[in-house]
């Protein structure tokens, strides 16, 4: 049996009834379920719906969705305040892990497990919150060796963003002997994965969170110490006590200002979030007196690292405890989960599971 035949045979042995699987793999489903975001020009809302697979955005690769992680940007996309989506209607979801149904390119055959994320998915192109996804073939990556489909779904854009932050910091010289690494917004999906990845590589990780009572969970993830943001010592001076060799900031706003002012000499900061605000009030003193470096993290800016980072996520940066720290939900629960994210009631990583 050839390799492509083996891949197809293995995929056909996956869970679900044989009839349903045969129909799904042939792409013969008359309608699919999806979470679609609509607008009437003044307001934006999302809702579960049924639609024809032919209504999906164009692409040469059709994927039967298995897992689709839920990100804060996905939650924002379904609100008027978010101003994320420019053309409606749009199926939400920045990412998907699934099985190839049809491919117009020989790089993939039916039954292959692939990962697709970013590239405008869920914003400019229909995304992963649907039973089928259609994308350009160049947007997809084969599942890396050493990684299961569940692990890829549990890692998703959140883990990928954490890995990109670590990669960029390491390229600038971050190392375990350069001092403790601060990770703020630490109970969020990106930051909590960063805590685990850094701890796994021998860094002393200090987790900063607004949530009292989260210390045990964060220490289980690998944090050496946990600080509650309400208890921060902030003098408001241009330079605070020098504490951190590096930092991963997922909050922005006033908290990032404090982080900048409390870095050690040659301190490195990866900035990837703005849950605490878009503004940054600071002075040049941390940069010219301590040599602090602030690095912006954007998946699309560094899209050339995509294959390399997924290889690392299957290896030295694979987060521990994915099974314990990932909540799988059906598509029906997606709206409630996104509302909880917007209201600050969610923790960790949630993933829509379409089939087992």
Protein backbone atom coordinates (compact mmCIF):
# COMPACT_ATOMS: atom_id res chain seq x y z
CA UNK A 1 0.00 0.00 0.00
CA UNK A 2 1.36 3.42 -0.93
CA UNK A 3 1.72 6.23 1.62
CA UNK A 4 -1.24 8.22 0.30
CA UNK A 5 -3.40 5.08 0.41
CA UNK A 6 -2.31 4.43 3.99
CA UNK A 7 -3.21 7.99 5.00
CA UNK A 8 -6.64 7.63 3.49
CA UNK A 9 -7.23 4.25 5.12
CA UNK A 10 -6.21 5.57 8.52
CA UNK A 11 -8.49 8.59 8.15
CA UNK A 12 -11.41 6.37 7.14
CA UNK A 13 -10.96 4.47 10.40
CA UNK A 14 -11.65 7.62 12.49
CA UNK A 15 -14.68 7.90 14.79
CA UNK A 16 -18.28 8.42 13.71
CA UNK A 17 -20.58 6.21 11.68
CA UNK A 18 -19.26 4.84 8.40
CA UNK A 19 -22.11 6.35 6.40
CA UNK A 20 -21.65 9.81 7.87
CA UNK A 21 -17.91 9.64 7.37
CA UNK A 22 -18.26 8.51 3.77
CA UNK A 23 -20.62 11.38 3.03
CA UNK A 24 -18.42 13.93 4.78
CA UNK A 25 -15.25 12.77 3.06
CA UNK A 26 -16.86 12.88 -0.36
CA UNK A 27 -17.99 16.45 0.30
CA UNK A 28 -21.55 15.32 -0.48
CA UNK A 29 -23.22 17.02 2.47
CA UNK A 30 -26.10 19.19 1.24
CA UNK A 31 -25.72 21.65 4.11
CA UNK A 32 -23.23 22.27 6.88
CA UNK A 33 -23.55 23.97 10.26
CA UNK A 34 -21.56 27.12 10.86
CA UNK A 35 -21.27 30.18 13.10
CA UNK A 36 -21.70 33.16 10.80
CA UNK A 37 -21.27 36.83 11.62
CA UNK A 38 -23.75 39.29 10.03
CA UNK A 39 -24.20 43.06 9.96
CA UNK A 40 -27.02 45.44 9.01
CA UNK A 41 -24.67 48.40 8.74
CA UNK A 42 -25.14 49.63 12.30
CA UNK A 43 -24.67 46.54 14.41
CA UNK A 44 -22.85 43.20 14.19
CA UNK A 45 -24.01 39.84 15.51
CA UNK A 46 -23.18 36.16 15.15
CA UNK A 47 -25.47 33.14 15.03
CA UNK A 48 -25.43 29.43 14.27
CA UNK A 49 -26.83 28.63 10.84
CA UNK A 50 -27.08 26.00 8.10
CA UNK A 51 -25.65 26.73 4.67
CA UNK A 52 -24.47 25.05 1.51
CA UNK A 53 -20.77 24.14 1.32
CA UNK A 54 -20.75 25.98 -1.99
CA UNK A 55 -21.38 29.23 -0.12
CA UNK A 56 -17.94 29.05 1.52
CA UNK A 57 -15.13 31.37 0.49
CA UNK A 58 -13.21 29.98 -2.50
CA UNK A 59 -10.17 27.76 -2.19
CA UNK A 60 -8.46 24.75 -3.71
CA UNK A 61 -8.52 22.73 -0.47
CA UNK A 62 -11.68 21.52 1.27
CA UNK A 63 -11.24 20.46 4.90
CA UNK A 64 -13.62 18.54 7.10
CA UNK A 65 -13.26 20.42 10.39
CA UNK A 66 -12.33 18.47 13.48
CA UNK A 67 -11.11 21.13 15.92
CA UNK A 68 -11.37 24.92 15.89
CA UNK A 69 -9.85 26.88 18.75
CA UNK A 70 -11.61 29.95 20.13
CA UNK A 71 -9.58 33.14 20.36
CA UNK A 72 -10.32 36.55 21.85
CA UNK A 73 -10.25 38.05 18.36
CA UNK A 74 -12.96 35.57 17.32
CA UNK A 75 -15.14 36.86 20.14
CA UNK A 76 -14.50 40.48 19.16
CA UNK A 77 -15.35 39.75 15.53
CA UNK A 78 -18.98 39.08 16.43
CA UNK A 79 -19.53 42.48 18.06
CA UNK A 80 -20.02 45.98 16.71
CA UNK A 81 -17.30 47.26 19.05
CA UNK A 82 -14.72 44.83 17.68
CA UNK A 83 -14.61 46.26 14.14
CA UNK A 84 -12.69 43.16 13.05
CA UNK A 85 -14.63 42.02 9.98
CA UNK A 86 -14.89 44.31 6.96
CA UNK A 87 -17.15 42.32 4.62
CA UNK A 88 -20.26 40.42 5.72
CA UNK A 89 -21.51 37.78 6.12
CA UNK A 90 -18.44 35.92 7.34
CA UNK A 91 -17.97 32.57 9.07
CA UNK A 92 -15.85 33.17 12.15
CA UNK A 93 -12.81 31.31 13.42
CA UNK A 94 -9.11 32.06 12.96
CA UNK A 95 -8.09 28.42 12.78
CA UNK A 96 -9.02 24.85 12.00
CA UNK A 97 -7.53 21.38 12.25
CA UNK A 98 -9.16 18.77 10.11
CA UNK A 99 -9.10 16.18 7.39
CA UNK A 100 -8.75 16.88 3.68
CA UNK A 101 -11.93 16.13 1.72
CA UNK A 102 -10.80 17.44 -1.66
CA UNK A 103 -7.56 18.91 -2.95
CA UNK A 104 -6.66 20.40 -6.31
CA UNK A 105 -2.98 20.18 -5.40
CA UNK A 106 -0.90 16.96 -5.17
CA UNK A 107 0.67 18.09 -1.89
CA UNK A 108 -2.47 16.87 -0.10
CA UNK A 109 -4.76 13.89 -0.63
CA UNK A 110 -8.11 13.05 0.95
CA UNK A 111 -7.59 11.81 4.48
CA UNK A 112 -4.54 13.97 5.24
CA UNK A 113 -4.72 15.86 8.54
CA UNK A 114 -3.90 19.53 8.10
CA UNK A 115 -3.66 22.75 10.09
CA UNK A 116 -4.83 26.10 8.71
CA UNK A 117 -4.87 29.39 10.59
CA UNK A 118 -4.45 33.15 10.27
CA UNK A 119 -4.12 34.42 6.65
CA UNK A 120 -7.37 36.35 7.11
CA UNK A 121 -9.43 33.33 8.20
CA UNK A 122 -12.53 34.44 10.08
CA UNK A 123 -11.97 38.03 8.97
CA UNK A 124 -11.51 38.34 5.20
CA UNK A 125 -12.11 34.66 4.42
CA UNK A 126 -14.59 32.20 5.93
CA UNK A 127 -13.01 30.56 8.95
CA UNK A 128 -12.96 27.47 11.09
CA UNK A 129 -16.33 27.65 12.86
CA UNK A 130 -17.99 25.45 10.26
CA UNK A 131 -18.24 21.74 9.59
CA UNK A 132 -16.30 22.31 6.37
CA UNK A 133 -13.67 24.91 5.51
CA UNK A 134 -12.38 25.87 2.07
CA UNK A 135 -9.01 27.64 1.79
CA UNK A 136 -6.16 28.15 -0.69
CA UNK A 137 -3.85 25.15 -0.49
CA UNK A 138 -0.86 27.32 0.50
CA UNK A 139 -2.61 28.23 3.74
CA UNK A 140 -2.50 24.65 5.04
CA UNK A 141 0.30 22.73 6.71
CA UNK A 142 0.48 18.96 7.19
CA UNK A 143 0.21 17.79 10.78
CA UNK A 144 3.82 17.68 12.04
CA UNK A 145 5.40 14.40 13.08
CA UNK A 146 5.06 13.89 16.82
CA UNK A 147 1.76 15.79 17.11
CA UNK A 148 -1.81 14.48 17.20
CA UNK A 149 -4.81 16.27 15.71
CA UNK A 150 -6.08 16.96 19.23
CA UNK A 151 -2.73 18.49 20.24
CA UNK A 152 -2.74 20.72 17.16
CA UNK A 153 -6.28 21.88 17.98
CA UNK A 154 -5.44 22.44 21.63
CA UNK A 155 -2.34 24.47 20.70
CA UNK A 156 -3.86 26.46 17.83
CA UNK A 157 -3.23 30.14 17.26
CA UNK A 158 -2.85 30.68 21.02
CA UNK A 159 0.06 28.27 21.34
CA UNK A 160 1.47 29.37 18.02
CA UNK A 161 1.50 33.01 19.20
CA UNK A 162 3.21 31.99 22.44
CA UNK A 163 5.81 30.03 20.48
CA UNK A 164 6.41 32.98 18.14
CA UNK A 165 6.97 35.25 21.15
CA UNK A 166 9.54 32.85 22.59
CA UNK A 167 11.24 32.43 19.21
CA UNK A 168 11.60 36.19 18.75
CA UNK A 169 12.88 36.68 22.31
CA UNK A 170 15.40 33.89 21.94
CA UNK A 171 16.66 35.37 18.69
CA UNK A 172 17.42 38.54 20.65
CA UNK A 173 19.32 36.65 23.33
CA UNK A 174 16.77 35.53 25.94
CA UNK A 175 18.14 32.64 27.97
CA UNK A 176 17.34 30.99 31.33
CA UNK A 177 20.41 32.54 32.97
CA UNK A 178 19.45 36.12 32.01
CA UNK A 179 16.87 36.49 34.78
CA UNK A 180 13.23 35.63 35.47
CA UNK A 181 10.65 35.93 32.72
CA UNK A 182 7.39 37.73 33.52
CA UNK A 183 4.21 36.60 31.76
CA UNK A 184 1.17 38.79 32.37
CA UNK A 185 -2.48 38.05 31.68
CA UNK A 186 -1.28 34.63 32.73
CA UNK A 187 -4.60 32.78 32.87
CA UNK A 188 -5.37 33.63 29.24
CA UNK A 189 -4.89 30.95 26.62
CA UNK A 190 -1.79 32.48 24.99
CA UNK A 191 -0.08 33.48 28.21
CA UNK A 192 -0.81 30.24 30.07
CA UNK A 193 0.75 28.27 27.22
CA UNK A 194 3.76 30.60 27.29
CA UNK A 195 4.16 29.86 31.00
CA UNK A 196 4.26 26.13 30.31
CA UNK A 197 6.60 26.41 27.32
CA UNK A 198 9.08 28.61 29.15
CA UNK A 199 9.05 26.44 32.27
CA UNK A 200 9.64 23.37 30.13
CA UNK A 201 12.79 24.98 28.75
CA UNK A 202 14.18 25.77 32.19
CA UNK A 203 13.19 29.42 32.57
CA UNK A 204 12.15 30.89 35.91
CA UNK A 205 8.65 32.08 35.10
CA UNK A 206 6.74 34.66 37.14
CA UNK A 207 3.03 34.77 36.29
CA UNK A 208 1.09 38.02 36.67
CA UNK A 209 -2.70 37.75 36.79
CA UNK A 210 -5.74 39.76 37.84
CA UNK A 211 -7.49 36.61 39.05
CA UNK A 212 -7.11 35.82 42.74
CA UNK A 213 -7.13 32.12 43.38
CA UNK A 214 -5.32 31.25 40.15
CA UNK A 215 -1.96 30.59 41.79
CA UNK A 216 -2.35 26.83 42.11
CA UNK A 217 -3.30 26.43 38.45
CA UNK A 218 -0.46 28.62 37.24
CA UNK A 219 2.09 26.87 39.39
CA UNK A 220 0.85 23.57 38.03
CA UNK A 221 1.57 25.00 34.58
CA UNK A 222 5.15 25.73 35.66
CA UNK A 223 5.15 29.23 37.20
CA UNK A 224 7.75 29.59 39.95
CA UNK A 225 5.86 32.53 41.43
CA UNK A 226 2.47 34.21 40.95
CA UNK A 227 1.70 37.90 41.43
CA UNK A 228 -1.81 39.35 41.58
CA UNK A 229 -1.96 42.57 39.58
CA UNK A 230 -3.91 44.42 42.29
CA UNK A 231 -0.89 43.99 44.56
CA UNK A 232 1.72 45.40 42.18
CA UNK A 233 4.10 47.96 43.62
CA UNK A 234 3.99 50.82 41.13
CA UNK A 235 5.64 54.08 42.17
CA UNK A 236 4.83 55.75 38.88
CA UNK A 237 8.47 56.74 38.45
CA UNK A 238 10.12 56.53 35.01
CA UNK A 239 12.17 53.58 36.29
CA UNK A 240 10.91 50.96 38.74
CA UNK A 241 12.97 48.33 40.51
CA UNK A 242 14.74 46.24 37.85
CA UNK A 243 13.29 42.72 38.08
CA UNK A 244 12.82 40.90 34.77
CA UNK A 245 15.26 39.57 32.23
CA UNK A 246 12.43 39.17 29.73
CA UNK A 247 8.66 39.46 29.58
CA UNK A 248 5.74 38.33 27.45
CA UNK A 249 3.01 40.97 27.60
CA UNK A 250 -0.51 39.93 26.59
CA UNK A 251 -2.27 42.86 28.27
CA UNK A 252 -0.85 46.15 26.97
CA UNK A 253 -1.97 49.50 28.36
CA UNK A 254 -0.91 50.58 31.84
CA UNK A 255 0.43 47.14 32.71
CA UNK A 256 2.82 47.15 29.77
CA UNK A 257 4.00 50.59 30.88
CA UNK A 258 4.88 49.13 34.28
CA UNK A 259 6.62 46.16 32.67
CA UNK A 260 8.79 48.45 30.53
CA UNK A 261 9.78 50.45 33.61
CA UNK A 262 10.66 47.34 35.65
CA UNK A 263 12.95 45.51 33.23
CA UNK A 264 16.56 44.67 33.98
CA UNK A 265 19.40 46.00 31.85
CA UNK A 266 19.11 44.59 28.30
CA UNK A 267 15.61 43.37 29.17
CA UNK A 268 13.48 41.98 26.34
CA UNK A 269 9.71 42.33 26.01
CA UNK A 270 7.44 40.57 23.51
CA UNK A 271 4.18 42.52 23.11
CA UNK A 272 1.25 40.58 21.67
CA UNK A 273 -1.97 41.69 23.36
CA UNK A 274 -4.10 44.73 24.11
CA UNK A 275 -6.80 43.46 26.49
CA UNK A 276 -5.76 46.25 28.88
CA UNK A 277 -5.80 48.98 26.24
CA UNK A 278 -4.04 50.17 23.10
CA UNK A 279 -2.25 53.13 24.66
CA UNK A 280 1.31 52.94 26.01
CA UNK A 281 2.41 55.74 28.36
CA UNK A 282 6.15 55.61 28.93
CA UNK A 283 9.38 57.57 28.60
CA UNK A 284 12.59 56.92 26.72
CA UNK A 285 14.51 56.28 29.96
CA UNK A 286 14.04 52.49 30.16
CA UNK A 287 15.29 52.26 26.58
CA UNK A 288 18.29 54.59 26.74
CA UNK A 289 19.37 53.92 30.36
CA UNK A 290 18.68 50.18 30.61
CA UNK A 291 18.76 49.16 26.97
CA UNK A 292 15.27 47.67 27.10
CA UNK A 293 14.00 46.24 23.80
CA UNK A 294 10.29 46.03 22.95
CA UNK A 295 9.39 43.51 20.23
CA UNK A 296 6.02 43.49 18.50
CA UNK A 297 4.54 40.04 17.88
CA UNK A 298 2.23 39.58 14.90
CA UNK A 299 1.62 36.21 13.30
CA UNK A 300 1.24 37.63 9.78
CA UNK A 301 4.42 39.71 9.97
CA UNK A 302 6.39 36.53 10.69
CA UNK A 303 4.36 34.15 8.54
CA UNK A 304 7.61 32.85 7.02
CA UNK A 305 8.28 31.11 10.37
CA UNK A 306 5.04 29.11 10.25
CA UNK A 307 6.46 25.70 9.33
CA UNK A 308 9.46 26.14 11.64
CA UNK A 309 7.27 27.06 14.61
CA UNK A 310 4.87 24.15 14.15
CA UNK A 311 7.88 21.87 14.10
CA UNK A 312 8.99 23.35 17.43
CA UNK A 313 5.45 23.00 18.80
CA UNK A 314 5.67 19.29 18.05
CA UNK A 315 9.04 19.18 19.82
CA UNK A 316 10.77 21.40 22.36
CA UNK A 317 7.89 23.87 22.68
CA UNK A 318 5.02 21.39 22.97
CA UNK A 319 3.06 22.53 26.05
CA UNK A 320 2.58 20.00 28.82
CA UNK A 321 -0.90 19.27 30.16
CA UNK A 322 -2.82 19.93 26.95
CA UNK A 323 -5.44 17.32 27.84
CA UNK A 324 -6.02 18.76 31.29
CA UNK A 325 -5.95 22.40 30.22
CA UNK A 326 -8.16 22.25 27.14
CA UNK A 327 -11.95 22.35 27.27
CA UNK A 328 -13.66 20.76 24.27
CA UNK A 329 -17.12 22.11 23.49
CA UNK A 330 -19.72 21.48 20.76
CA UNK A 331 -20.47 24.17 18.20
CA UNK A 332 -23.74 24.94 20.03
CA UNK A 333 -21.80 26.27 23.04
CA UNK A 334 -19.61 28.60 20.99
CA UNK A 335 -21.70 31.79 21.41
CA UNK A 336 -21.75 31.47 25.21
CA UNK A 337 -18.02 30.82 25.36
CA UNK A 338 -17.23 33.89 23.30
CA UNK A 339 -19.50 36.04 25.47
CA UNK A 340 -17.68 34.76 28.56
CA UNK A 341 -14.37 35.74 26.96
CA UNK A 342 -15.59 39.27 26.28
CA UNK A 343 -16.79 39.59 29.88
CA UNK A 344 -13.54 38.26 31.36
CA UNK A 345 -15.23 35.14 32.74
CA UNK A 346 -13.19 32.60 30.81
CA UNK A 347 -9.84 30.99 31.56
CA UNK A 348 -7.51 28.85 29.53
CA UNK A 349 -8.18 27.32 26.15
CA UNK A 350 -11.52 26.24 24.70
CA UNK A 351 -11.82 24.37 21.40
CA UNK A 352 -14.87 23.50 19.31
CA UNK A 353 -14.87 19.76 18.59
CA UNK A 354 -16.83 18.80 15.51
CA UNK A 355 -16.32 15.02 15.58
CA UNK A 356 -14.27 12.35 17.37
